[in-house]
All heavy atoms as atom14 arrays in JSON, in Angstrom:
{
  "sequence": "RAGDSISVISRALGKPPGSVFTVLKHHGGIAPGERVRRADHLSAEDR",
  "atom14_mask": [
    [1, 1, 1, 1, 1, 1, 1, 1, 1, 1, 1, 0, 0, 0],
    [1, 1, 1, 1, 1, 0, 0, 0, 0, 0, 0, 0, 0, 0],
    [1, 1, 1, 1, 0, 0, 0, 0, 0, 0, 0, 0, 0, 0],
    [1, 1, 1, 1, 1, 1, 1, 1, 0, 0, 0, 0, 0, 0],
    [1, 1, 1, 1, 1, 1, 0, 0, 0, 0, 0, 0, 0, 0],
    [1, 1, 1, 1, 1, 1, 1, 1, 0, 0, 0, 0, 0, 0],
    [1, 1, 1, 1, 1, 1, 0, 0, 0, 0, 0, 0, 0, 0],
    [1, 1, 1, 1, 1, 1, 1, 0, 0, 0, 0, 0, 0, 0],
    [1, 1, 1, 1, 1, 1, 1, 1, 0, 0, 0, 0, 0, 0],
    [1, 1, 1, 1, 1, 1, 0, 0, 0, 0, 0, 0, 0, 0],
    [1, 1, 1, 1, 1, 1, 1, 1, 1, 1, 1, 0, 0, 0],
    [1, 1, 1, 1, 1, 0, 0, 0, 0, 0, 0, 0, 0, 0],
    [1, 1, 1, 1, 1, 1, 1, 1, 0, 0, 0, 0, 0, 0],
    [1, 1, 1, 1, 0, 0, 0, 0, 0, 0, 0, 0, 0, 0],
    [1, 1, 1, 1, 1, 1, 1, 1, 1, 0, 0, 0, 0, 0],
    [1, 1, 1, 1, 1, 1, 1, 0, 0, 0, 0, 0, 0, 0],
    [1, 1, 1, 1, 1, 1, 1, 0, 0, 0, 0, 0, 0, 0],
    [1, 1, 1, 1, 0, 0, 0, 0, 0, 0, 0, 0, 0, 0],
    [1, 1, 1, 1, 1, 1, 0, 0, 0, 0, 0, 0, 0, 0],
    [1, 1, 1, 1, 1, 1, 1, 0, 0, 0, 0, 0, 0, 0],
    [1, 1, 1, 1, 1, 1, 1, 1, 1, 1, 1, 0, 0, 0],
    [1, 1, 1, 1, 1, 1, 1, 0, 0, 0, 0, 0, 0, 0],
    [1, 1, 1, 1, 1, 1, 1, 0, 0, 0, 0, 0, 0, 0],
    [1, 1, 1, 1, 1, 1, 1, 1, 0, 0, 0, 0, 0, 0],
    [1, 1, 1, 1, 1, 1, 1, 1, 1, 0, 0, 0, 0, 0],
    [1, 1, 1, 1, 1, 1, 1, 1, 1, 1, 0, 0, 0, 0],
    [1, 1, 1, 1, 1, 1, 1, 1, 1, 1, 0, 0, 0, 0],
    [1, 1, 1, 1, 0, 0, 0, 0, 0, 0, 0, 0, 0, 0],
    [1, 1, 1, 1, 0, 0, 0, 0, 0, 0, 0, 0, 0, 0],
    [1, 1, 1, 1, 1, 1, 1, 1, 0, 0, 0, 0, 0, 0],
    [1, 1, 1, 1, 1, 0, 0, 0, 0, 0, 0, 0, 0, 0],
    [1, 1, 1, 1, 1, 1, 1, 0, 0, 0, 0, 0, 0, 0],
    [1, 1, 1, 1, 0, 0, 0, 0, 0, 0, 0, 0, 0, 0],
    [1, 1, 1, 1, 1, 1, 1, 1, 1, 0, 0, 0, 0, 0],
    [1, 1, 1, 1, 1, 1, 1, 1, 1, 1, 1, 0, 0, 0],
    [1, 1, 1, 1, 1, 1, 1, 0, 0, 0, 0, 0, 0, 0],
    [1, 1, 1, 1, 1, 1, 1, 1, 1, 1, 1, 0, 0, 0],
    [1, 1, 1, 1, 1, 1, 1, 1, 1, 1, 1, 0, 0, 0],
    [1, 1, 1, 1, 1, 0, 0, 0, 0, 0, 0, 0, 0, 0],
    [1, 1, 1, 1, 1, 1, 1, 1, 0, 0, 0, 0, 0, 0],
    [1, 1, 1, 1, 1, 1, 1, 1, 1, 1, 0, 0, 0, 0],
    [1, 1, 1, 1, 1, 1, 1, 1, 0, 0, 0, 0, 0, 0],
    [1, 1, 1, 1, 1, 1, 0, 0, 0, 0, 0, 0, 0, 0],
    [1, 1, 1, 1, 1, 0, 0, 0, 0, 0, 0, 0, 0, 0],
    [1, 1, 1, 1, 1, 1, 1, 1, 1, 0, 0, 0, 0, 0],
    [1, 1, 1, 1, 1, 1, 1, 1, 0, 0, 0, 0, 0, 0],
    [1, 1, 1, 1, 1, 1, 1, 1, 1, 1, 1, 0, 0, 0]
  ],
  "atom14_positions": [
    [[114.54, 106.95, 91.32], [114.49, 107.83, 90.14], [115.43, 109.03, 90.3], [115.98, 109.53, 89.31], [113.08, 108.34, 89.89], [112.17, 107.34, 89.2], [110.87, 107.98, 88.74], [110.11, 108.54, 89.82], [109.25, 107.88, 90.58], [109.04, 106.6, 90.35], [108.59, 108.46, 91.55], [0.0, 0.0, 0.0], [0.0, 0.0, 0.0], [0.0, 0.0, 0.0]],
    [[115.62, 109.49, 91.53], [116.5, 110.63, 91.8], [117.98, 110.24, 91.71], [118.84, 111.11, 91.75], [116.19, 111.22, 93.16], [0.0, 0.0, 0.0], [0.0, 0.0, 0.0], [0.0, 0.0, 0.0], [0.0, 0.0, 0.0], [0.0, 0.0, 0.0], [0.0, 0.0, 0.0], [0.0, 0.0, 0.0], [0.0, 0.0, 0.0], [0.0, 0.0, 0.0]],
    [[118.26, 108.94, 91.63], [119.63, 108.49, 91.47], [120.31, 108.03, 92.75], [121.51, 107.79, 92.74], [0.0, 0.0, 0.0], [0.0, 0.0, 0.0], [0.0, 0.0, 0.0], [0.0, 0.0, 0.0], [0.0, 0.0, 0.0], [0.0, 0.0, 0.0], [0.0, 0.0, 0.0], [0.0, 0.0, 0.0], [0.0, 0.0, 0.0], [0.0, 0.0, 0.0]],
    [[119.55, 107.89, 93.83], [120.13, 107.4, 95.07], [120.55, 105.93, 94.91], [119.92, 105.17, 94.18], [119.14, 107.49, 96.23], [118.9, 108.92, 96.68], [119.59, 109.83, 96.19], [118.01, 109.12, 97.53], [0.0, 0.0, 0.0], [0.0, 0.0, 0.0], [0.0, 0.0, 0.0], [0.0, 0.0, 0.0], [0.0, 0.0, 0.0], [0.0, 0.0, 0.0]],
    [[121.61, 105.57, 95.6], [122.07, 104.18, 95.56], [121.2, 103.31, 96.46], [120.45, 103.81, 97.31], [123.52, 104.09, 96.03], [123.6, 104.39, 97.41], [0.0, 0.0, 0.0], [0.0, 0.0, 0.0], [0.0, 0.0, 0.0], [0.0, 0.0, 0.0], [0.0, 0.0, 0.0], [0.0, 0.0, 0.0], [0.0, 0.0, 0.0], [0.0, 0.0, 0.0]],
    [[121.32, 102.01, 96.28], [120.56, 101.07, 97.11], [120.91, 101.25, 98.58], [120.03, 101.23, 99.43], [120.81, 99.62, 96.64], [120.16, 99.4, 95.27], [120.28, 98.62, 97.65], [120.44, 98.06, 94.65], [0.0, 0.0, 0.0], [0.0, 0.0, 0.0], [0.0, 0.0, 0.0], [0.0, 0.0, 0.0], [0.0, 0.0, 0.0], [0.0, 0.0, 0.0]],
    [[122.18, 101.46, 98.88], [122.57, 101.61, 100.29], [122.0, 102.9, 100.89], [121.57, 102.89, 102.05], [124.09, 101.57, 100.44], [124.71, 102.59, 99.69], [0.0, 0.0, 0.0], [0.0, 0.0, 0.0], [0.0, 0.0, 0.0], [0.0, 0.0, 0.0], [0.0, 0.0, 0.0], [0.0, 0.0, 0.0], [0.0, 0.0, 0.0], [0.0, 0.0, 0.0]],
    [[121.96, 103.98, 100.14], [121.38, 105.23, 100.63], [119.89, 105.06, 100.85], [119.34, 105.48, 101.88], [121.67, 106.39, 99.64], [120.86, 107.62, 99.99], [123.15, 106.7, 99.62], [0.0, 0.0, 0.0], [0.0, 0.0, 0.0], [0.0, 0.0, 0.0], [0.0, 0.0, 0.0], [0.0, 0.0, 0.0], [0.0, 0.0, 0.0], [0.0, 0.0, 0.0]],
    [[119.22, 104.41, 99.9], [117.77, 104.18, 100.03], [117.49, 103.3, 101.24], [116.57, 103.58, 102.01], [117.21, 103.54, 98.74], [117.34, 104.51, 97.56], [115.75, 103.14, 98.93], [117.05, 103.88, 96.21], [0.0, 0.0, 0.0], [0.0, 0.0, 0.0], [0.0, 0.0, 0.0], [0.0, 0.0, 0.0], [0.0, 0.0, 0.0], [0.0, 0.0, 0.0]],
    [[118.26, 102.24, 101.4], [118.02, 101.32, 102.52], [118.18, 102.01, 103.87], [117.4, 101.78, 104.79], [118.92, 100.09, 102.42], [120.26, 100.43, 102.62], [0.0, 0.0, 0.0], [0.0, 0.0, 0.0], [0.0, 0.0, 0.0], [0.0, 0.0, 0.0], [0.0, 0.0, 0.0], [0.0, 0.0, 0.0], [0.0, 0.0, 0.0], [0.0, 0.0, 0.0]],
    [[119.2, 102.86, 104.0], [119.38, 103.6, 105.26], [118.21, 104.55, 105.5], [117.72, 104.66, 106.62], [120.69, 104.38, 105.24], [121.9, 103.52, 105.54], [123.13, 104.35, 105.83], [123.54, 105.18, 104.7], [124.34, 104.81, 103.72], [124.84, 103.59, 103.71], [124.67, 105.64, 102.76], [0.0, 0.0, 0.0], [0.0, 0.0, 0.0], [0.0, 0.0, 0.0]],
    [[117.76, 105.24, 104.46], [116.65, 106.19, 104.6], [115.36, 105.49, 105.0], [114.57, 106.04, 105.77], [116.46, 106.96, 103.31], [0.0, 0.0, 0.0], [0.0, 0.0, 0.0], [0.0, 0.0, 0.0], [0.0, 0.0, 0.0], [0.0, 0.0, 0.0], [0.0, 0.0, 0.0], [0.0, 0.0, 0.0], [0.0, 0.0, 0.0], [0.0, 0.0, 0.0]],
    [[115.15, 104.29, 104.49], [113.92, 103.55, 104.77], [114.04, 102.65, 106.0], [113.04, 102.1, 106.46], [113.52, 102.7, 103.56], [113.25, 103.45, 102.27], [112.91, 102.47, 101.15], [112.14, 104.46, 102.44], [0.0, 0.0, 0.0], [0.0, 0.0, 0.0], [0.0, 0.0, 0.0], [0.0, 0.0, 0.0], [0.0, 0.0, 0.0], [0.0, 0.0, 0.0]],
    [[115.24, 102.47, 106.5], [115.44, 101.59, 107.65], [115.24, 100.13, 107.3], [114.8, 99.33, 108.13], [0.0, 0.0, 0.0], [0.0, 0.0, 0.0], [0.0, 0.0, 0.0], [0.0, 0.0, 0.0], [0.0, 0.0, 0.0], [0.0, 0.0, 0.0], [0.0, 0.0, 0.0], [0.0, 0.0, 0.0], [0.0, 0.0, 0.0], [0.0, 0.0, 0.0]],
    [[115.57, 99.77, 106.07], [115.43, 98.39, 105.59], [116.79, 97.87, 105.15], [117.66, 98.65, 104.76], [114.47, 98.33, 104.38], [113.07, 98.82, 104.67], [112.35, 97.85, 105.55], [110.92, 98.3, 105.79], [110.22, 97.43, 106.69], [0.0, 0.0, 0.0], [0.0, 0.0, 0.0], [0.0, 0.0, 0.0], [0.0, 0.0, 0.0], [0.0, 0.0, 0.0]],
    [[116.98, 96.56, 105.17], [118.25, 96.01, 104.69], [118.42, 96.26, 103.19], [117.42, 96.26, 102.44], [118.14, 94.51, 104.96], [116.9, 94.3, 105.76], [116.08, 95.54, 105.68], [0.0, 0.0, 0.0], [0.0, 0.0, 0.0], [0.0, 0.0, 0.0], [0.0, 0.0, 0.0], [0.0, 0.0, 0.0], [0.0, 0.0, 0.0], [0.0, 0.0, 0.0]],
    [[119.65, 96.46, 102.73], [119.88, 96.69, 101.29], [119.34, 95.56, 100.42], [118.86, 95.8, 99.31], [121.4, 96.79, 101.18], [121.88, 97.09, 102.54], [120.88, 96.54, 103.5], [0.0, 0.0, 0.0], [0.0, 0.0, 0.0], [0.0, 0.0, 0.0], [0.0, 0.0, 0.0], [0.0, 0.0, 0.0], [0.0, 0.0, 0.0], [0.0, 0.0, 0.0]],
    [[119.38, 94.33, 100.92], [118.86, 93.2, 100.15], [117.38, 93.32, 99.88], [116.9, 92.92, 98.81], [0.0, 0.0, 0.0], [0.0, 0.0, 0.0], [0.0, 0.0, 0.0], [0.0, 0.0, 0.0], [0.0, 0.0, 0.0], [0.0, 0.0, 0.0], [0.0, 0.0, 0.0], [0.0, 0.0, 0.0], [0.0, 0.0, 0.0], [0.0, 0.0, 0.0]],
    [[116.64, 93.9, 100.81], [115.19, 94.09, 100.62], [114.92, 95.11, 99.52], [114.04, 94.93, 98.68], [114.54, 94.54, 101.92], [114.66, 93.56, 102.9], [0.0, 0.0, 0.0], [0.0, 0.0, 0.0], [0.0, 0.0, 0.0], [0.0, 0.0, 0.0], [0.0, 0.0, 0.0], [0.0, 0.0, 0.0], [0.0, 0.0, 0.0], [0.0, 0.0, 0.0]],
    [[115.69, 96.2, 99.55], [115.54, 97.23, 98.52], [115.91, 96.64, 97.16], [115.19, 96.82, 96.17], [116.41, 98.46, 98.85], [116.4, 99.46, 97.7], [115.95, 99.12, 100.14], [0.0, 0.0, 0.0], [0.0, 0.0, 0.0], [0.0, 0.0, 0.0], [0.0, 0.0, 0.0], [0.0, 0.0, 0.0], [0.0, 0.0, 0.0], [0.0, 0.0, 0.0]],
    [[117.01, 95.9, 97.1], [117.45, 95.28, 95.85], [116.39, 94.34, 95.3], [116.11, 94.32, 94.1], [118.76, 94.52, 96.07], [119.21, 93.75, 94.87], [119.84, 94.39, 93.82], [119.0, 92.38, 94.78], [120.24, 93.69, 92.69], [119.39, 91.67, 93.67], [120.03, 92.32, 92.62], [0.0, 0.0, 0.0], [0.0, 0.0, 0.0], [0.0, 0.0, 0.0]],
    [[115.78, 93.55, 96.18], [114.77, 92.59, 95.76], [113.58, 93.29, 95.11], [113.08, 92.84, 94.07], [114.3, 91.74, 96.95], [115.43, 91.02, 97.47], [113.21, 90.76, 96.55], [0.0, 0.0, 0.0], [0.0, 0.0, 0.0], [0.0, 0.0, 0.0], [0.0, 0.0, 0.0], [0.0, 0.0, 0.0], [0.0, 0.0, 0.0], [0.0, 0.0, 0.0]],
    [[113.12, 94.38, 95.69], [111.99, 95.13, 95.1], [112.39, 95.68, 93.74], [111.65, 95.56, 92.76], [111.53, 96.28, 96.05], [110.52, 97.17, 95.35], [110.95, 95.71, 97.32], [0.0, 0.0, 0.0], [0.0, 0.0, 0.0], [0.0, 0.0, 0.0], [0.0, 0.0, 0.0], [0.0, 0.0, 0.0], [0.0, 0.0, 0.0], [0.0, 0.0, 0.0]],
    [[113.57, 96.29, 93.66], [114.03, 96.84, 92.39], [114.19, 95.76, 91.33], [113.78, 95.93, 90.18], [115.35, 97.58, 92.59], [115.3, 98.83, 93.47], [116.7, 99.34, 93.74], [114.44, 99.9, 92.84], [0.0, 0.0, 0.0], [0.0, 0.0, 0.0], [0.0, 0.0, 0.0], [0.0, 0.0, 0.0], [0.0, 0.0, 0.0], [0.0, 0.0, 0.0]],
    [[114.78, 94.64, 91.71], [115.01, 93.54, 90.77], [113.68, 92.96, 90.28], [113.53, 92.66, 89.09], [115.85, 92.45, 91.43], [116.16, 91.3, 90.51], [116.97, 90.24, 91.21], [117.16, 89.05, 90.29], [117.76, 87.92, 90.98], [0.0, 0.0, 0.0], [0.0, 0.0, 0.0], [0.0, 0.0, 0.0], [0.0, 0.0, 0.0], [0.0, 0.0, 0.0]],
    [[112.74, 92.79, 91.19], [111.44, 92.21, 90.83], [110.75, 93.01, 89.73], [110.06, 92.45, 88.88], [110.55, 92.11, 92.07], [109.19, 91.54, 91.8], [108.99, 90.19, 91.6], [107.98, 92.13, 91.69], [107.71, 89.98, 91.36], [107.07, 91.13, 91.43], [0.0, 0.0, 0.0], [0.0, 0.0, 0.0], [0.0, 0.0, 0.0], [0.0, 0.0, 0.0]],
    [[110.94, 94.33, 89.75], [110.29, 95.19, 88.77], [111.24, 95.66, 87.67], [110.89, 96.55, 86.9], [109.68, 96.4, 89.48], [108.56, 96.05, 90.41], [107.32, 95.66, 89.97], [108.51, 95.98, 91.76], [106.55, 95.38, 91.0], [107.25, 95.56, 92.11], [0.0, 0.0, 0.0], [0.0, 0.0, 0.0], [0.0, 0.0, 0.0], [0.0, 0.0, 0.0]],
    [[112.43, 95.1, 87.62], [113.38, 95.47, 86.58], [113.88, 96.9, 86.71], [114.31, 97.5, 85.73], [0.0, 0.0, 0.0], [0.0, 0.0, 0.0], [0.0, 0.0, 0.0], [0.0, 0.0, 0.0], [0.0, 0.0, 0.0], [0.0, 0.0, 0.0], [0.0, 0.0, 0.0], [0.0, 0.0, 0.0], [0.0, 0.0, 0.0], [0.0, 0.0, 0.0]],
    [[113.81, 97.46, 87.9], [114.28, 98.82, 88.12], [113.31, 99.89, 87.66], [113.63, 101.07, 87.67], [0.0, 0.0, 0.0], [0.0, 0.0, 0.0], [0.0, 0.0, 0.0], [0.0, 0.0, 0.0], [0.0, 0.0, 0.0], [0.0, 0.0, 0.0], [0.0, 0.0, 0.0], [0.0, 0.0, 0.0], [0.0, 0.0, 0.0], [0.0, 0.0, 0.0]],
    [[112.13, 99.48, 87.24], [111.12, 100.42, 86.75], [109.9, 100.34, 87.66], [109.34, 99.27, 87.87], [110.7, 100.09, 85.31], [111.93, 100.14, 84.4], [109.62, 101.03, 84.82], [111.71, 99.6, 83.01], [0.0, 0.0, 0.0], [0.0, 0.0, 0.0], [0.0, 0.0, 0.0], [0.0, 0.0, 0.0], [0.0, 0.0, 0.0], [0.0, 0.0, 0.0]],
    [[109.49, 101.49, 88.18], [108.35, 101.52, 89.1], [107.09, 101.02, 88.38], [106.83, 101.41, 87.24], [108.12, 102.94, 89.6], [0.0, 0.0, 0.0], [0.0, 0.0, 0.0], [0.0, 0.0, 0.0], [0.0, 0.0, 0.0], [0.0, 0.0, 0.0], [0.0, 0.0, 0.0], [0.0, 0.0, 0.0], [0.0, 0.0, 0.0], [0.0, 0.0, 0.0]],
    [[106.33, 100.15, 89.04], [105.1, 99.65, 88.41], [104.06, 100.76, 88.33], [104.05, 101.69, 89.14], [104.65, 98.54, 89.36], [105.28, 98.86, 90.66], [106.56, 99.58, 90.36], [0.0, 0.0, 0.0], [0.0, 0.0, 0.0], [0.0, 0.0, 0.0], [0.0, 0.0, 0.0], [0.0, 0.0, 0.0], [0.0, 0.0, 0.0], [0.0, 0.0, 0.0]],
    [[103.2, 100.66, 87.33], [102.13, 101.63, 87.19], [101.09, 101.47, 88.28], [101.03, 100.44, 88.96], [0.0, 0.0, 0.0], [0.0, 0.0, 0.0], [0.0, 0.0, 0.0], [0.0, 0.0, 0.0], [0.0, 0.0, 0.0], [0.0, 0.0, 0.0], [0.0, 0.0, 0.0], [0.0, 0.0, 0.0], [0.0, 0.0, 0.0], [0.0, 0.0, 0.0]],
    [[100.3, 102.5, 88.45], [99.24, 102.45, 89.46], [98.2, 101.42, 89.04], [97.81, 101.35, 87.88], [98.59, 103.82, 89.6], [97.56, 103.9, 90.69], [97.0, 105.31, 90.85], [97.73, 106.26, 90.54], [95.85, 105.42, 91.28], [0.0, 0.0, 0.0], [0.0, 0.0, 0.0], [0.0, 0.0, 0.0], [0.0, 0.0, 0.0], [0.0, 0.0, 0.0]],
    [[97.76, 100.62, 89.99], [96.77, 99.6, 89.69], [95.4, 100.24, 89.55], [95.0, 101.08, 90.34], [96.74, 98.55, 90.79], [98.07, 97.78, 90.87], [98.04, 96.77, 91.95], [97.14, 95.69, 91.56], [96.9, 94.63, 92.3], [97.47, 94.5, 93.46], [96.08, 93.69, 91.88], [0.0, 0.0, 0.0], [0.0, 0.0, 0.0], [0.0, 0.0, 0.0]],
    [[94.69, 99.82, 88.52], [93.35, 100.35, 88.25], [92.4, 99.18, 88.07], [92.68, 98.25, 87.31], [93.36, 101.22, 86.96], [91.98, 101.75, 86.68], [94.37, 102.34, 87.08], [0.0, 0.0, 0.0], [0.0, 0.0, 0.0], [0.0, 0.0, 0.0], [0.0, 0.0, 0.0], [0.0, 0.0, 0.0], [0.0, 0.0, 0.0], [0.0, 0.0, 0.0]],
    [[91.29, 99.22, 88.78], [90.3, 98.15, 88.64], [89.53, 98.31, 87.33], [89.29, 99.41, 86.87], [89.3, 98.19, 89.79], [89.88, 97.78, 91.1], [88.74, 97.4, 92.04], [89.22, 97.09, 93.35], [89.52, 95.86, 93.74], [89.39, 94.85, 92.92], [89.95, 95.64, 94.97], [0.0, 0.0, 0.0], [0.0, 0.0, 0.0], [0.0, 0.0, 0.0]],
    [[89.15, 97.17, 86.79], [88.32, 97.2, 85.6], [86.96, 97.78, 85.95], [86.47, 97.64, 87.08], [88.13, 95.79, 85.06], [89.38, 95.22, 84.48], [89.22, 93.81, 84.0], [87.88, 93.46, 83.58], [87.53, 92.28, 83.14], [88.42, 91.33, 83.06], [86.29, 92.02, 82.78], [0.0, 0.0, 0.0], [0.0, 0.0, 0.0], [0.0, 0.0, 0.0]],
    [[86.33, 98.42, 84.99], [85.04, 99.06, 85.24], [83.95, 98.03, 85.55], [82.98, 98.35, 86.24], [84.64, 99.88, 84.02], [0.0, 0.0, 0.0], [0.0, 0.0, 0.0], [0.0, 0.0, 0.0], [0.0, 0.0, 0.0], [0.0, 0.0, 0.0], [0.0, 0.0, 0.0], [0.0, 0.0, 0.0], [0.0, 0.0, 0.0], [0.0, 0.0, 0.0]],
    [[84.09, 96.8, 85.06], [83.03, 95.81, 85.25], [83.31, 94.86, 86.42], [82.67, 93.81, 86.52], [82.81, 95.01, 83.97], [84.04, 94.23, 83.55], [85.14, 94.53, 84.05], [83.89, 93.33, 82.72], [0.0, 0.0, 0.0], [0.0, 0.0, 0.0], [0.0, 0.0, 0.0], [0.0, 0.0, 0.0], [0.0, 0.0, 0.0], [0.0, 0.0, 0.0]],
    [[84.21, 95.2, 87.33], [84.49, 94.31, 88.45], [83.35, 94.33, 89.48], [82.63, 95.32, 89.58], [85.81, 94.69, 89.14], [85.69, 95.79, 90.13], [85.64, 97.11, 89.78], [85.56, 95.76, 91.48], [85.49, 97.86, 90.87], [85.45, 97.07, 91.92], [0.0, 0.0, 0.0], [0.0, 0.0, 0.0], [0.0, 0.0, 0.0], [0.0, 0.0, 0.0]],
    [[83.21, 93.24, 90.2], [82.2, 93.18, 91.24], [82.79, 93.68, 92.55], [83.89, 93.33, 92.94], [81.74, 91.72, 91.44], [80.95, 91.09, 90.3], [80.69, 89.64, 90.62], [79.65, 91.83, 90.09], [0.0, 0.0, 0.0], [0.0, 0.0, 0.0], [0.0, 0.0, 0.0], [0.0, 0.0, 0.0], [0.0, 0.0, 0.0], [0.0, 0.0, 0.0]],
    [[82.03, 94.49, 93.24], [82.45, 94.94, 94.57], [82.16, 93.83, 95.57], [81.46, 92.86, 95.27], [81.71, 96.21, 94.97], [80.35, 95.92, 95.2], [0.0, 0.0, 0.0], [0.0, 0.0, 0.0], [0.0, 0.0, 0.0], [0.0, 0.0, 0.0], [0.0, 0.0, 0.0], [0.0, 0.0, 0.0], [0.0, 0.0, 0.0], [0.0, 0.0, 0.0]],
    [[82.67, 94.0, 96.77], [82.39, 93.01, 97.83], [80.9, 92.92, 98.09], [80.35, 91.84, 98.31], [83.16, 93.38, 99.1], [0.0, 0.0, 0.0], [0.0, 0.0, 0.0], [0.0, 0.0, 0.0], [0.0, 0.0, 0.0], [0.0, 0.0, 0.0], [0.0, 0.0, 0.0], [0.0, 0.0, 0.0], [0.0, 0.0, 0.0], [0.0, 0.0, 0.0]],
    [[80.22, 94.06, 98.07], [78.76, 94.07, 98.3], [78.03, 93.31, 97.19], [77.09, 92.55, 97.48], [78.26, 95.51, 98.35], [78.76, 96.29, 99.55], [78.4, 97.76, 99.46], [77.8, 98.19, 98.46], [78.72, 98.48, 100.41], [0.0, 0.0, 0.0], [0.0, 0.0, 0.0], [0.0, 0.0, 0.0], [0.0, 0.0, 0.0], [0.0, 0.0, 0.0]],
    [[78.46, 93.49, 95.95], [77.84, 92.78, 94.83], [78.02, 91.28, 94.95], [77.1, 90.5, 94.69], [78.4, 93.25, 93.49], [78.06, 94.69, 93.16], [77.03, 95.19, 93.68], [78.8, 95.31, 92.4], [0.0, 0.0, 0.0], [0.0, 0.0, 0.0], [0.0, 0.0, 0.0], [0.0, 0.0, 0.0], [0.0, 0.0, 0.0], [0.0, 0.0, 0.0]],
    [[79.21, 90.84, 95.36], [79.47, 89.4, 95.5], [78.64, 88.8, 96.62], [78.19, 87.66, 96.51], [80.96, 89.16, 95.76], [81.82, 89.41, 94.54], [83.23, 88.9, 94.76], [83.91, 89.59, 95.83], [84.64, 90.69, 95.68], [84.75, 91.24, 94.5], [85.24, 91.24, 96.72], [0.0, 0.0, 0.0], [0.0, 0.0, 0.0], [0.0, 0.0, 0.0]]
  ]
}
């Protein structure tokens, strides 16, 4: 979001540029929203 390139991000994270690209491509370059459980889900204890 700050505008860093894939190569800059990969060096900062210590990951190959292809790994960074794959994550970005998978989500279309848009960060996924935070996952929220449904209110009616069963907990492990309930199951």
